[in-house]
Amino acid sequence: MIDRIFWRHAQAGFGLQDLYRTLTPIGFRQAEYSGKQLKELAKDFPVYTSQCLRSKQTAEKYAKVDYAFEELNPDQAWQYALAAVQTIEDEQAIIVGHMPWISLVIAYYLRTTPTTMANSEWYWLKFDEEKSFWFLYAHYICPNCVTDDVLDNPENEPVLIINDPNTYQTYAH
């Protein structure tokens, strides 16, 4: 089975040069939360990112970046990002990227309408070769972070949803 995890970069600050924008302190914490979940669920997946510092910083909370593609940069059309993703030969991969292309690529695979993604949110897609279609296996939503104290509030726990491909039942963790 082919696995593709699409992970939006965590919160970044503003800067004059888009490629060099860095994560904010909240962004680093968001990436830690998301990266921790991925480490528990997705062992040793190769990591693909854009050339942007913020996507690399996000990815590094999971593992070192294996590949950085220009086609995954935020100024690229979603079709270029999709083409880059389709060149990945690994059975399993994590792709760290940007809005809007990341949601458009997910929508393309799932044959659905694109939606916005929160900072450090990820979607895990699997390809069922027997049935020849992509399905959403898991979805992780990081807490909505406005200030540091929001992350520490137990009412703002991250949400992990795992879908059972055999029964298509959904389990929230």
N, C-alpha and C. Protein backbone atom coordinates (compact mmCIF):
# COMPACT_ATOMS: atom_id res chain seq x y z
N MET A 1 0.85 -1.18 0.00
CA MET A 1 0.00 0.00 0.00
C MET A 1 0.90 1.24 0.00
N ILE A 2 0.53 2.24 -0.76
CA ILE A 2 1.28 3.48 -0.84
C ILE A 2 0.73 4.46 0.19
N ASP A 3 1.63 5.09 0.94
CA ASP A 3 1.25 6.07 1.96
C ASP A 3 1.83 7.44 1.59
N ARG A 4 0.99 8.46 1.67
CA ARG A 4 1.43 9.84 1.49
C ARG A 4 0.84 10.67 2.62
N ILE A 5 1.70 11.28 3.42
CA ILE A 5 1.25 12.17 4.48
C ILE A 5 1.54 13.60 4.03
N PHE A 6 0.49 14.39 3.93
CA PHE A 6 0.61 15.80 3.54
C PHE A 6 0.50 16.65 4.79
N TRP A 7 1.56 17.37 5.11
CA TRP A 7 1.68 18.11 6.36
C TRP A 7 1.90 19.59 6.04
N ARG A 8 0.98 20.42 6.44
CA ARG A 8 1.16 21.86 6.25
C ARG A 8 2.16 22.37 7.29
N HIS A 9 3.04 23.27 6.87
CA HIS A 9 4.04 23.81 7.80
C HIS A 9 3.35 24.49 8.98
N ALA A 10 4.07 24.58 10.07
CA ALA A 10 3.56 25.24 11.29
C ALA A 10 3.60 26.76 11.11
N GLN A 11 3.07 27.46 12.12
CA GLN A 11 2.96 28.92 12.05
C GLN A 11 4.34 29.56 11.84
N ALA A 12 4.38 30.48 10.87
CA ALA A 12 5.63 31.17 10.56
C ALA A 12 5.44 32.67 10.72
N GLY A 13 6.55 33.36 10.96
CA GLY A 13 6.52 34.81 11.03
C GLY A 13 6.53 35.40 9.64
N PHE A 14 6.53 36.71 9.58
CA PHE A 14 6.54 37.40 8.30
C PHE A 14 7.96 37.84 7.99
N GLY A 15 8.25 37.97 6.72
CA GLY A 15 9.58 38.41 6.31
C GLY A 15 9.55 38.89 4.89
N LEU A 16 10.59 39.57 4.51
CA LEU A 16 10.65 40.10 3.16
C LEU A 16 10.90 39.01 2.13
N GLN A 17 11.71 38.02 2.48
CA GLN A 17 12.00 36.94 1.55
C GLN A 17 11.26 35.68 2.00
N ASP A 18 10.29 35.28 1.20
CA ASP A 18 9.40 34.19 1.58
C ASP A 18 10.14 32.89 1.88
N LEU A 19 11.19 32.59 1.13
CA LEU A 19 11.92 31.34 1.34
C LEU A 19 12.59 31.25 2.71
N TYR A 20 12.83 32.40 3.34
CA TYR A 20 13.60 32.41 4.59
C TYR A 20 12.76 32.73 5.82
N ARG A 21 11.44 32.72 5.68
CA ARG A 21 10.59 32.95 6.86
C ARG A 21 10.75 31.78 7.82
N THR A 22 10.89 32.09 9.09
CA THR A 22 11.12 31.06 10.10
C THR A 22 9.85 30.82 10.93
N LEU A 23 9.80 29.69 11.58
CA LEU A 23 8.67 29.41 12.47
C LEU A 23 8.70 30.36 13.66
N THR A 24 7.53 30.69 14.17
CA THR A 24 7.40 31.47 15.39
C THR A 24 7.60 30.50 16.57
N PRO A 25 7.74 31.03 17.80
CA PRO A 25 7.79 30.12 18.96
C PRO A 25 6.56 29.20 19.01
N ILE A 26 5.39 29.72 18.70
CA ILE A 26 4.19 28.88 18.67
C ILE A 26 4.31 27.85 17.56
N GLY A 27 4.83 28.25 16.41
CA GLY A 27 5.02 27.33 15.30
C GLY A 27 5.93 26.17 15.65
N PHE A 28 7.00 26.46 16.38
CA PHE A 28 7.88 25.36 16.80
C PHE A 28 7.14 24.38 17.70
N ARG A 29 6.29 24.89 18.57
CA ARG A 29 5.52 24.00 19.46
C ARG A 29 4.48 23.21 18.66
N GLN A 30 3.82 23.87 17.70
CA GLN A 30 2.87 23.15 16.84
C GLN A 30 3.58 22.00 16.12
N ALA A 31 4.73 22.29 15.56
CA ALA A 31 5.48 21.27 14.82
C ALA A 31 5.90 20.13 15.75
N GLU A 32 6.24 20.46 16.99
CA GLU A 32 6.59 19.41 17.96
C GLU A 32 5.40 18.48 18.20
N TYR A 33 4.20 19.06 18.40
CA TYR A 33 3.00 18.25 18.61
C TYR A 33 2.77 17.32 17.42
N SER A 34 2.76 17.91 16.23
CA SER A 34 2.47 17.13 15.02
C SER A 34 3.56 16.10 14.76
N GLY A 35 4.82 16.51 14.92
CA GLY A 35 5.93 15.59 14.71
C GLY A 35 5.91 14.42 15.67
N LYS A 36 5.51 14.68 16.92
CA LYS A 36 5.42 13.61 17.92
C LYS A 36 4.38 12.57 17.49
N GLN A 37 3.22 13.03 17.04
CA GLN A 37 2.20 12.09 16.56
C GLN A 37 2.71 11.27 15.38
N LEU A 38 3.39 11.93 14.45
CA LEU A 38 3.91 11.21 13.29
C LEU A 38 4.97 10.19 13.68
N LYS A 39 5.82 10.54 14.63
CA LYS A 39 6.85 9.59 15.08
C LYS A 39 6.23 8.32 15.66
N GLU A 40 5.08 8.48 16.32
CA GLU A 40 4.41 7.32 16.92
C GLU A 40 3.71 6.46 15.86
N LEU A 41 3.25 7.08 14.78
CA LEU A 41 2.43 6.36 13.80
C LEU A 41 3.16 6.00 12.51
N ALA A 42 4.05 6.84 12.08
CA ALA A 42 4.71 6.67 10.78
C ALA A 42 6.21 6.54 11.00
N LYS A 43 6.67 5.33 11.09
CA LYS A 43 8.09 5.07 11.39
C LYS A 43 8.94 5.16 10.13
N ASP A 44 9.96 6.01 10.20
CA ASP A 44 11.01 6.07 9.17
C ASP A 44 10.52 6.40 7.76
N PHE A 45 9.53 7.25 7.65
CA PHE A 45 9.10 7.70 6.33
C PHE A 45 10.10 8.73 5.81
N PRO A 46 10.49 8.68 4.54
CA PRO A 46 11.32 9.75 4.00
C PRO A 46 10.53 11.06 3.96
N VAL A 47 11.24 12.18 4.08
CA VAL A 47 10.60 13.49 4.19
C VAL A 47 10.96 14.36 2.98
N TYR A 48 9.93 14.89 2.36
CA TYR A 48 10.06 15.80 1.22
C TYR A 48 9.46 17.14 1.63
N THR A 49 10.18 18.22 1.32
CA THR A 49 9.68 19.55 1.66
C THR A 49 9.88 20.50 0.48
N SER A 50 9.33 21.69 0.66
CA SER A 50 9.68 22.78 -0.24
C SER A 50 11.08 23.25 0.13
N GLN A 51 11.56 24.25 -0.56
CA GLN A 51 12.86 24.82 -0.23
C GLN A 51 12.77 25.86 0.89
N CYS A 52 11.57 26.12 1.38
CA CYS A 52 11.35 27.15 2.39
C CYS A 52 11.85 26.69 3.76
N LEU A 53 12.45 27.64 4.48
CA LEU A 53 12.95 27.35 5.81
C LEU A 53 11.84 26.85 6.73
N ARG A 54 10.66 27.46 6.69
CA ARG A 54 9.58 27.07 7.60
C ARG A 54 9.11 25.64 7.38
N SER A 55 9.10 25.17 6.14
CA SER A 55 8.70 23.78 5.91
C SER A 55 9.78 22.82 6.39
N LYS A 56 11.04 23.19 6.21
CA LYS A 56 12.13 22.34 6.71
C LYS A 56 12.14 22.29 8.23
N GLN A 57 11.91 23.46 8.88
CA GLN A 57 11.87 23.49 10.35
C GLN A 57 10.72 22.63 10.87
N THR A 58 9.58 22.67 10.19
CA THR A 58 8.43 21.84 10.59
C THR A 58 8.80 20.36 10.47
N ALA A 59 9.32 19.98 9.33
CA ALA A 59 9.66 18.58 9.05
C ALA A 59 10.69 18.04 10.04
N GLU A 60 11.63 18.87 10.44
CA GLU A 60 12.70 18.42 11.33
C GLU A 60 12.21 18.03 12.71
N LYS A 61 10.96 18.35 13.05
CA LYS A 61 10.39 17.88 14.32
C LYS A 61 9.96 16.41 14.20
N TYR A 62 9.99 15.89 12.98
CA TYR A 62 9.75 14.46 12.74
C TYR A 62 11.09 13.76 12.48
N ALA A 63 11.81 14.26 11.50
CA ALA A 63 13.09 13.65 11.10
C ALA A 63 13.83 14.62 10.18
N LYS A 64 15.03 14.25 9.80
CA LYS A 64 15.77 15.11 8.90
C LYS A 64 15.08 15.12 7.52
N VAL A 65 15.26 16.22 6.82
CA VAL A 65 14.67 16.36 5.49
C VAL A 65 15.52 15.57 4.51
N ASP A 66 14.86 14.71 3.73
CA ASP A 66 15.57 13.92 2.73
C ASP A 66 15.68 14.64 1.39
N TYR A 67 14.61 15.35 1.01
CA TYR A 67 14.58 16.02 -0.29
C TYR A 67 13.82 17.34 -0.18
N ALA A 68 14.33 18.37 -0.87
CA ALA A 68 13.64 19.67 -0.94
C ALA A 68 13.42 20.00 -2.41
N PHE A 69 12.16 20.17 -2.79
CA PHE A 69 11.80 20.42 -4.19
C PHE A 69 11.33 21.85 -4.40
N GLU A 70 11.82 22.48 -5.43
CA GLU A 70 11.35 23.81 -5.81
C GLU A 70 9.86 23.77 -6.15
N GLU A 71 9.41 22.67 -6.74
CA GLU A 71 8.01 22.53 -7.15
C GLU A 71 7.04 22.53 -5.96
N LEU A 72 7.57 22.36 -4.76
CA LEU A 72 6.73 22.38 -3.56
C LEU A 72 6.75 23.74 -2.86
N ASN A 73 7.42 24.71 -3.44
CA ASN A 73 7.45 26.06 -2.87
C ASN A 73 6.07 26.70 -2.93
N PRO A 74 5.80 27.69 -2.07
CA PRO A 74 4.46 28.26 -1.98
C PRO A 74 4.01 29.03 -3.22
N ASP A 75 4.95 29.47 -4.04
CA ASP A 75 4.58 30.23 -5.23
C ASP A 75 4.30 29.34 -6.44
N GLN A 76 4.35 28.04 -6.26
CA GLN A 76 4.14 27.11 -7.37
C GLN A 76 2.66 26.77 -7.53
N ALA A 77 2.27 26.55 -8.77
CA ALA A 77 0.91 26.09 -9.04
C ALA A 77 0.74 24.67 -8.48
N TRP A 78 -0.47 24.35 -8.07
CA TRP A 78 -0.70 23.04 -7.46
C TRP A 78 -0.37 21.91 -8.42
N GLN A 79 -0.51 22.14 -9.72
CA GLN A 79 -0.21 21.09 -10.69
C GLN A 79 1.27 20.73 -10.69
N TYR A 80 2.14 21.73 -10.43
CA TYR A 80 3.58 21.45 -10.34
C TYR A 80 3.89 20.66 -9.07
N ALA A 81 3.22 21.03 -7.99
CA ALA A 81 3.40 20.29 -6.74
C ALA A 81 2.92 18.85 -6.91
N LEU A 82 1.77 18.67 -7.54
CA LEU A 82 1.24 17.33 -7.79
C LEU A 82 2.22 16.51 -8.63
N ALA A 83 2.76 17.12 -9.68
CA ALA A 83 3.72 16.42 -10.53
C ALA A 83 4.95 16.00 -9.73
N ALA A 84 5.42 16.87 -8.84
CA ALA A 84 6.58 16.52 -7.99
C ALA A 84 6.23 15.36 -7.06
N VAL A 85 5.06 15.40 -6.45
CA VAL A 85 4.63 14.33 -5.55
C VAL A 85 4.55 13.01 -6.32
N GLN A 86 4.08 13.06 -7.55
CA GLN A 86 3.92 11.84 -8.34
C GLN A 86 5.25 11.24 -8.78
N THR A 87 6.35 12.00 -8.68
CA THR A 87 7.66 11.44 -9.01
C THR A 87 8.28 10.68 -7.84
N ILE A 88 7.68 10.79 -6.66
CA ILE A 88 8.22 10.11 -5.48
C ILE A 88 8.05 8.61 -5.67
N GLU A 89 9.15 7.90 -5.59
CA GLU A 89 9.12 6.44 -5.80
C GLU A 89 9.00 5.66 -4.51
N ASP A 90 9.22 6.30 -3.37
CA ASP A 90 9.11 5.62 -2.09
C ASP A 90 7.67 5.17 -1.86
N GLU A 91 7.50 4.00 -1.25
CA GLU A 91 6.15 3.51 -0.91
C GLU A 91 5.49 4.42 0.12
N GLN A 92 6.31 4.98 0.99
CA GLN A 92 5.81 5.85 2.06
C GLN A 92 6.57 7.17 2.00
N ALA A 93 5.85 8.27 2.24
CA ALA A 93 6.51 9.57 2.22
C ALA A 93 5.70 10.60 2.99
N ILE A 94 6.42 11.53 3.60
CA ILE A 94 5.81 12.71 4.22
C ILE A 94 6.18 13.89 3.35
N ILE A 95 5.18 14.67 2.97
CA ILE A 95 5.38 15.85 2.14
C ILE A 95 4.94 17.06 2.95
N VAL A 96 5.89 17.95 3.23
CA VAL A 96 5.60 19.15 4.02
C VAL A 96 5.50 20.32 3.05
N GLY A 97 4.36 21.02 3.10
CA GLY A 97 4.16 22.07 2.12
C GLY A 97 3.29 23.21 2.60
N HIS A 98 2.65 23.84 1.63
CA HIS A 98 2.02 25.14 1.82
C HIS A 98 0.61 25.18 1.24
N MET A 99 -0.18 26.08 1.83
CA MET A 99 -1.47 26.43 1.23
C MET A 99 -1.17 27.39 0.08
N PRO A 100 -1.90 27.36 -1.00
CA PRO A 100 -3.08 26.53 -1.22
C PRO A 100 -2.79 25.19 -1.89
N TRP A 101 -1.58 25.00 -2.43
CA TRP A 101 -1.39 23.80 -3.24
C TRP A 101 -1.59 22.51 -2.46
N ILE A 102 -1.24 22.49 -1.17
CA ILE A 102 -1.32 21.23 -0.43
C ILE A 102 -2.76 20.74 -0.32
N SER A 103 -3.71 21.64 -0.07
CA SER A 103 -5.11 21.21 0.02
C SER A 103 -5.66 20.84 -1.35
N LEU A 104 -5.17 21.47 -2.40
CA LEU A 104 -5.62 21.13 -3.75
C LEU A 104 -5.12 19.75 -4.18
N VAL A 105 -3.89 19.41 -3.79
CA VAL A 105 -3.36 18.08 -4.10
C VAL A 105 -4.12 17.01 -3.32
N ILE A 106 -4.38 17.26 -2.05
CA ILE A 106 -5.18 16.31 -1.26
C ILE A 106 -6.55 16.12 -1.89
N ALA A 107 -7.20 17.20 -2.26
CA ALA A 107 -8.53 17.13 -2.89
C ALA A 107 -8.47 16.36 -4.20
N TYR A 108 -7.41 16.53 -4.96
CA TYR A 108 -7.24 15.79 -6.20
C TYR A 108 -7.22 14.28 -5.93
N TYR A 109 -6.41 13.86 -4.97
CA TYR A 109 -6.31 12.43 -4.66
C TYR A 109 -7.61 11.87 -4.10
N LEU A 110 -8.28 12.62 -3.25
CA LEU A 110 -9.51 12.13 -2.61
C LEU A 110 -10.76 12.41 -3.43
N ARG A 111 -10.61 13.11 -4.55
CA ARG A 111 -11.75 13.45 -5.43
C ARG A 111 -12.83 14.20 -4.65
N THR A 112 -12.38 15.26 -3.99
CA THR A 112 -13.29 16.04 -3.17
C THR A 112 -12.98 17.53 -3.34
N THR A 113 -13.69 18.34 -2.64
CA THR A 113 -13.49 19.78 -2.68
C THR A 113 -12.34 20.17 -1.75
N PRO A 114 -11.44 21.04 -2.20
CA PRO A 114 -10.35 21.46 -1.31
C PRO A 114 -10.88 22.24 -0.11
N THR A 115 -10.15 22.15 0.97
CA THR A 115 -10.50 22.87 2.18
C THR A 115 -9.25 23.54 2.73
N THR A 116 -9.43 24.51 3.57
CA THR A 116 -8.27 25.15 4.19
C THR A 116 -7.67 24.21 5.23
N MET A 117 -6.40 24.40 5.50
CA MET A 117 -5.72 23.59 6.51
C MET A 117 -5.12 24.52 7.55
N ALA A 118 -5.20 24.11 8.81
CA ALA A 118 -4.59 24.87 9.89
C ALA A 118 -3.08 24.65 9.88
N ASN A 119 -2.37 25.51 10.56
CA ASN A 119 -0.92 25.32 10.69
C ASN A 119 -0.62 23.98 11.34
N SER A 120 0.32 23.26 10.77
CA SER A 120 0.82 21.98 11.28
C SER A 120 -0.21 20.84 11.24
N GLU A 121 -1.27 21.02 10.50
CA GLU A 121 -2.28 19.97 10.30
C GLU A 121 -1.76 18.99 9.24
N TRP A 122 -2.10 17.71 9.39
CA TRP A 122 -1.71 16.77 8.34
C TRP A 122 -2.81 15.76 8.02
N TYR A 123 -2.73 15.27 6.78
CA TYR A 123 -3.63 14.25 6.25
C TYR A 123 -2.78 13.07 5.80
N TRP A 124 -3.18 11.87 6.21
CA TRP A 124 -2.48 10.66 5.79
C TRP A 124 -3.37 9.94 4.78
N LEU A 125 -2.91 9.86 3.55
CA LEU A 125 -3.64 9.19 2.49
C LEU A 125 -2.98 7.86 2.18
N LYS A 126 -3.80 6.87 1.88
CA LYS A 126 -3.30 5.55 1.47
C LYS A 126 -3.94 5.20 0.13
N PHE A 127 -3.17 4.46 -0.67
CA PHE A 127 -3.69 3.99 -1.94
C PHE A 127 -3.99 2.50 -1.82
N ASP A 128 -5.25 2.16 -2.03
CA ASP A 128 -5.67 0.77 -1.99
C ASP A 128 -5.51 0.22 -3.41
N GLU A 129 -4.46 -0.58 -3.60
CA GLU A 129 -4.16 -1.09 -4.94
C GLU A 129 -5.22 -2.06 -5.44
N GLU A 130 -5.80 -2.83 -4.53
CA GLU A 130 -6.84 -3.79 -4.92
C GLU A 130 -8.07 -3.08 -5.47
N LYS A 131 -8.46 -2.01 -4.80
CA LYS A 131 -9.66 -1.26 -5.22
C LYS A 131 -9.31 -0.07 -6.11
N SER A 132 -8.03 0.21 -6.24
CA SER A 132 -7.51 1.28 -7.10
C SER A 132 -8.09 2.66 -6.78
N PHE A 133 -7.98 3.04 -5.50
CA PHE A 133 -8.38 4.40 -5.12
C PHE A 133 -7.63 4.84 -3.87
N TRP A 134 -7.54 6.16 -3.70
CA TRP A 134 -6.94 6.77 -2.54
C TRP A 134 -8.01 6.98 -1.48
N PHE A 135 -7.65 6.81 -0.21
CA PHE A 135 -8.58 7.10 0.87
C PHE A 135 -7.85 7.78 2.01
N LEU A 136 -8.61 8.50 2.81
CA LEU A 136 -8.07 9.18 3.97
C LEU A 136 -7.94 8.17 5.10
N TYR A 137 -6.72 7.91 5.52
CA TYR A 137 -6.47 6.97 6.60
C TYR A 137 -6.48 7.68 7.96
N ALA A 138 -5.82 8.84 8.04
CA ALA A 138 -5.76 9.55 9.32
C ALA A 138 -5.67 11.05 9.05
N HIS A 139 -6.12 11.80 10.04
CA HIS A 139 -6.13 13.26 9.95
C HIS A 139 -5.78 13.80 11.32
N TYR A 140 -4.80 14.71 11.37
CA TYR A 140 -4.35 15.27 12.63
C TYR A 140 -4.53 16.78 12.60
N ILE A 141 -5.17 17.30 13.63
CA ILE A 141 -5.39 18.74 13.76
C ILE A 141 -4.69 19.20 15.03
N CYS A 142 -3.73 20.09 14.85
CA CYS A 142 -3.01 20.67 15.97
C CYS A 142 -3.92 21.66 16.68
N PRO A 143 -3.71 21.91 17.97
CA PRO A 143 -4.54 22.90 18.65
C PRO A 143 -4.48 24.25 17.94
N ASN A 144 -5.58 24.95 17.94
CA ASN A 144 -5.62 26.28 17.36
C ASN A 144 -4.85 27.21 18.29
N CYS A 145 -3.67 27.62 17.85
CA CYS A 145 -2.75 28.33 18.74
C CYS A 145 -2.73 29.81 18.44
N VAL A 146 -3.12 30.59 19.40
CA VAL A 146 -3.03 32.03 19.29
C VAL A 146 -1.93 32.53 20.22
N THR A 147 -1.85 31.97 21.41
CA THR A 147 -0.80 32.31 22.37
C THR A 147 -0.26 31.02 22.98
N ASP A 148 0.88 31.10 23.63
CA ASP A 148 1.48 29.91 24.23
C ASP A 148 0.57 29.22 25.22
N ASP A 149 -0.22 29.98 25.99
CA ASP A 149 -1.06 29.36 27.00
C ASP A 149 -2.18 28.52 26.38
N VAL A 150 -2.53 28.77 25.12
CA VAL A 150 -3.54 27.94 24.45
C VAL A 150 -3.03 26.52 24.30
N LEU A 151 -1.76 26.36 23.97
CA LEU A 151 -1.18 25.03 23.81
C LEU A 151 -1.22 24.23 25.10
N ASP A 152 -1.11 24.91 26.23
CA ASP A 152 -1.06 24.23 27.52
C ASP A 152 -2.45 23.98 28.12
N ASN A 153 -3.49 24.46 27.46
CA ASN A 153 -4.85 24.31 27.94
C ASN A 153 -5.37 22.93 27.51
N PRO A 154 -5.76 22.05 28.47
CA PRO A 154 -6.21 20.70 28.11
C PRO A 154 -7.47 20.70 27.25
N GLU A 155 -8.22 21.79 27.25
CA GLU A 155 -9.40 21.85 26.40
C GLU A 155 -9.04 22.00 24.93
N ASN A 156 -7.80 22.32 24.64
CA ASN A 156 -7.33 22.50 23.27
C ASN A 156 -6.43 21.35 22.84
N GLU A 157 -6.78 20.15 23.22
CA GLU A 157 -5.99 18.98 22.87
C GLU A 157 -6.01 18.76 21.36
N PRO A 158 -4.91 18.25 20.82
CA PRO A 158 -4.90 17.91 19.39
C PRO A 158 -5.94 16.82 19.11
N VAL A 159 -6.39 16.76 17.88
CA VAL A 159 -7.37 15.76 17.46
C VAL A 159 -6.73 14.86 16.42
N LEU A 160 -6.76 13.56 16.66
CA LEU A 160 -6.28 12.57 15.71
C LEU A 160 -7.45 11.68 15.35
N ILE A 161 -7.74 11.59 14.07
CA ILE A 161 -8.83 10.76 13.59
C ILE A 161 -8.24 9.69 12.69
N ILE A 162 -8.52 8.43 12.98
CA ILE A 162 -8.03 7.32 12.16
C ILE A 162 -9.24 6.58 11.59
N ASN A 163 -9.21 6.37 10.28
CA ASN A 163 -10.29 5.66 9.60
C ASN A 163 -9.86 4.22 9.36
N ASP A 164 -10.73 3.29 9.66
CA ASP A 164 -10.47 1.88 9.40
C ASP A 164 -10.88 1.59 7.96
N PRO A 165 -9.92 1.26 7.09
CA PRO A 165 -10.24 1.05 5.67
C PRO A 165 -11.12 -0.17 5.42
N ASN A 166 -11.19 -1.10 6.36
CA ASN A 166 -12.01 -2.29 6.16
C ASN A 166 -13.48 -2.03 6.47
N THR A 167 -13.72 -1.21 7.48
CA THR A 167 -15.11 -0.96 7.88
C THR A 167 -15.54 0.48 7.60
N TYR A 168 -14.57 1.32 7.27
CA TYR A 168 -14.78 2.74 7.05
C TYR A 168 -15.41 3.42 8.27
N GLN A 169 -15.08 2.88 9.45
CA GLN A 169 -15.48 3.52 10.69
C GLN A 169 -14.38 4.50 11.10
N THR A 170 -14.75 5.54 11.78
CA THR A 170 -13.81 6.56 12.19
C THR A 170 -13.60 6.49 13.69
N TYR A 171 -12.34 6.61 14.10
CA TYR A 171 -11.98 6.56 15.50
C TYR A 171 -11.25 7.86 15.87
N ALA A 172 -11.73 8.55 16.86
CA ALA A 172 -11.05 9.77 17.32
C ALA A 172 -10.20 9.40 18.53
N HIS A 173 -9.00 9.93 18.58
CA HIS A 173 -8.08 9.66 19.70
C HIS A 173 -7.77 10.94 20.41
